[in-house]
């Protein structure tokens, strides 16, 4: 209900944690340990059993990423961008190489749409261009 409302009102949407607090990057599995004071230790979806059960989604992302010569993170960001031209994920990072990887998602998303086809609408291409610009001027914390 929220997405049609936002669209009808012409309001943009910035998805929270578009990489699932790192889970969709493929770098986290059921054996990963987190800092004892960290957020992920308090959230049920990061319990070892949940991470193991949800691994199938990450495996799918990795399969698509290999086909597209991209990373799982780039595919996850591309999927969000392909949903609506007014959606703009802002992945957080403290590492310059991750920021560069996220910006490089623009190259990988050029051929990705919601149906994983090789074309996108002009509005989607423009939204991706704006998103890349916003990421490229962002400073790493």
Protein backbone atom coordinates (compact mmCIF):
# COMPACT_ATOMS: atom_id res chain seq x y z
CA UNK A 1 0.00 0.00 0.00
CA UNK A 2 2.83 2.42 0.73
CA UNK A 3 4.52 2.13 -2.68
CA UNK A 4 1.38 3.04 -4.71
CA UNK A 5 0.71 5.91 -2.29
CA UNK A 6 4.22 7.28 -2.69
CA UNK A 7 3.98 6.94 -6.45
CA UNK A 8 0.62 8.68 -6.55
CA UNK A 9 1.93 11.57 -4.47
CA UNK A 10 5.18 11.85 -6.41
CA UNK A 11 7.29 11.07 -3.34
CA UNK A 12 10.63 9.32 -3.67
CA UNK A 13 11.61 6.34 -1.55
CA UNK A 14 14.99 5.62 0.01
CA UNK A 15 15.04 1.97 1.10
CA UNK A 16 16.66 1.32 4.48
CA UNK A 17 19.65 -1.01 4.38
CA UNK A 18 19.31 -2.12 0.75
CA UNK A 19 22.03 -4.73 1.31
CA UNK A 20 20.30 -6.26 4.32
CA UNK A 21 22.95 -5.11 6.82
CA UNK A 22 25.53 -6.89 4.70
CA UNK A 23 23.68 -10.18 4.29
CA UNK A 24 22.94 -9.72 0.58
CA UNK A 25 26.62 -9.16 -0.17
CA UNK A 26 27.27 -12.88 0.24
CA UNK A 27 29.95 -12.24 2.85
CA UNK A 28 27.81 -13.45 5.79
CA UNK A 29 26.84 -17.05 6.48
CA UNK A 30 25.74 -19.13 9.48
CA UNK A 31 29.35 -19.29 10.72
CA UNK A 32 29.93 -15.54 10.72
CA UNK A 33 30.41 -14.02 14.16
CA UNK A 34 29.46 -10.44 14.95
CA UNK A 35 30.67 -8.01 17.56
CA UNK A 36 28.90 -8.82 20.84
CA UNK A 37 27.50 -5.29 21.06
CA UNK A 38 26.47 -5.15 17.39
CA UNK A 39 22.96 -4.72 16.03
CA UNK A 40 23.00 -8.03 14.18
CA UNK A 41 23.31 -9.97 17.45
CA UNK A 42 19.90 -8.67 18.53
CA UNK A 43 17.92 -9.32 15.35
CA UNK A 44 16.33 -12.76 14.80
CA UNK A 45 17.04 -12.76 11.06
CA UNK A 46 20.76 -12.84 11.91
CA UNK A 47 20.52 -15.90 14.13
CA UNK A 48 22.71 -18.68 12.66
CA UNK A 49 19.64 -20.80 11.75
CA UNK A 50 17.98 -17.88 9.94
CA UNK A 51 21.18 -17.05 8.05
CA UNK A 52 21.45 -20.67 6.95
CA UNK A 53 17.78 -20.78 5.86
CA UNK A 54 18.03 -17.47 3.98
CA UNK A 55 21.22 -18.46 2.18
CA UNK A 56 19.17 -19.63 -0.83
CA UNK A 57 18.39 -15.99 -1.67
CA UNK A 58 22.07 -15.06 -1.53
CA UNK A 59 22.91 -18.08 -3.70
CA UNK A 60 20.43 -16.82 -6.30
CA UNK A 61 21.96 -13.35 -6.19
CA UNK A 62 25.42 -14.86 -6.64
CA UNK A 63 24.24 -16.88 -9.65
CA UNK A 64 22.83 -13.75 -11.31
CA UNK A 65 25.94 -11.78 -10.36
CA UNK A 66 28.24 -14.32 -12.01
CA UNK A 67 26.14 -14.19 -15.18
CA UNK A 68 26.31 -10.38 -15.19
CA UNK A 69 29.99 -10.23 -14.14
CA UNK A 70 28.99 -8.23 -11.07
CA UNK A 71 28.90 -8.67 -7.30
CA UNK A 72 25.91 -9.81 -5.26
CA UNK A 73 25.75 -6.33 -3.74
CA UNK A 74 25.58 -4.73 -7.18
CA UNK A 75 22.75 -7.06 -8.21
CA UNK A 76 20.81 -6.33 -5.01
CA UNK A 77 21.17 -2.57 -5.57
CA UNK A 78 20.26 -2.95 -9.24
CA UNK A 79 17.09 -4.81 -8.31
CA UNK A 80 15.97 -1.96 -6.05
CA UNK A 81 16.77 0.62 -8.72
CA UNK A 82 14.83 -1.34 -11.34
CA UNK A 83 11.62 -1.32 -9.27
CA UNK A 84 10.69 2.34 -9.76
CA UNK A 85 12.64 5.32 -11.12
CA UNK A 86 11.98 7.25 -7.91
CA UNK A 87 13.58 4.67 -5.61
CA UNK A 88 17.11 5.53 -4.54
CA UNK A 89 18.95 3.11 -2.28
CA UNK A 90 21.82 4.58 -0.33
CA UNK A 91 24.05 1.76 0.86
CA UNK A 92 26.13 2.70 3.87
CA UNK A 93 29.81 1.93 4.09
CA UNK A 94 32.94 2.99 5.91
CA UNK A 95 35.24 1.50 3.28
CA UNK A 96 36.29 3.34 0.13
CA UNK A 97 36.53 0.12 -1.92
CA UNK A 98 32.90 -0.71 -1.03
CA UNK A 99 31.79 2.77 -2.13
CA UNK A 100 33.61 2.23 -5.41
CA UNK A 101 31.92 -1.18 -5.78
CA UNK A 102 28.51 0.40 -5.16
CA UNK A 103 29.16 3.11 -7.74
CA UNK A 104 30.28 0.40 -10.17
CA UNK A 105 26.82 -1.10 -9.76
CA UNK A 106 25.75 1.48 -12.32
CA UNK A 107 27.68 -0.38 -14.98
CA UNK A 108 26.14 -3.68 -13.97
CA UNK A 109 22.60 -2.34 -13.84
CA UNK A 110 22.63 -0.96 -17.33
CA UNK A 111 21.19 -4.27 -18.51
CA UNK A 112 19.03 -5.21 -15.54
CA UNK A 113 15.32 -4.61 -15.13
CA UNK A 114 12.72 -6.16 -12.82
CA UNK A 115 12.48 -9.10 -15.23
CA UNK A 116 16.27 -9.28 -15.67
CA UNK A 117 15.93 -8.29 -19.31
CA UNK A 118 18.52 -6.33 -21.23
CA UNK A 119 16.51 -3.16 -21.58
CA UNK A 120 15.12 -0.56 -19.25
CA UNK A 121 12.81 2.38 -19.61
CA UNK A 122 14.19 5.84 -20.21
CA UNK A 123 12.92 6.81 -16.74
CA UNK A 124 14.80 3.89 -15.19
CA UNK A 125 17.98 4.81 -17.03
CA UNK A 126 17.65 8.40 -15.84
CA UNK A 127 17.02 7.28 -12.26
CA UNK A 128 20.15 5.11 -12.39
CA UNK A 129 22.16 8.04 -13.76
CA UNK A 130 20.97 10.27 -10.88
CA UNK A 131 21.68 7.52 -8.35
CA UNK A 132 25.22 7.08 -9.64
CA UNK A 133 25.79 10.81 -9.40
CA UNK A 134 24.54 10.88 -5.79
CA UNK A 135 26.82 7.99 -4.86
CA UNK A 136 29.81 9.50 -6.62
CA UNK A 137 29.61 12.73 -4.59
CA UNK A 138 29.07 10.93 -1.28
CA UNK A 139 31.95 10.94 1.19
CA UNK A 140 32.88 7.74 3.01
CA UNK A 141 32.30 8.16 6.76
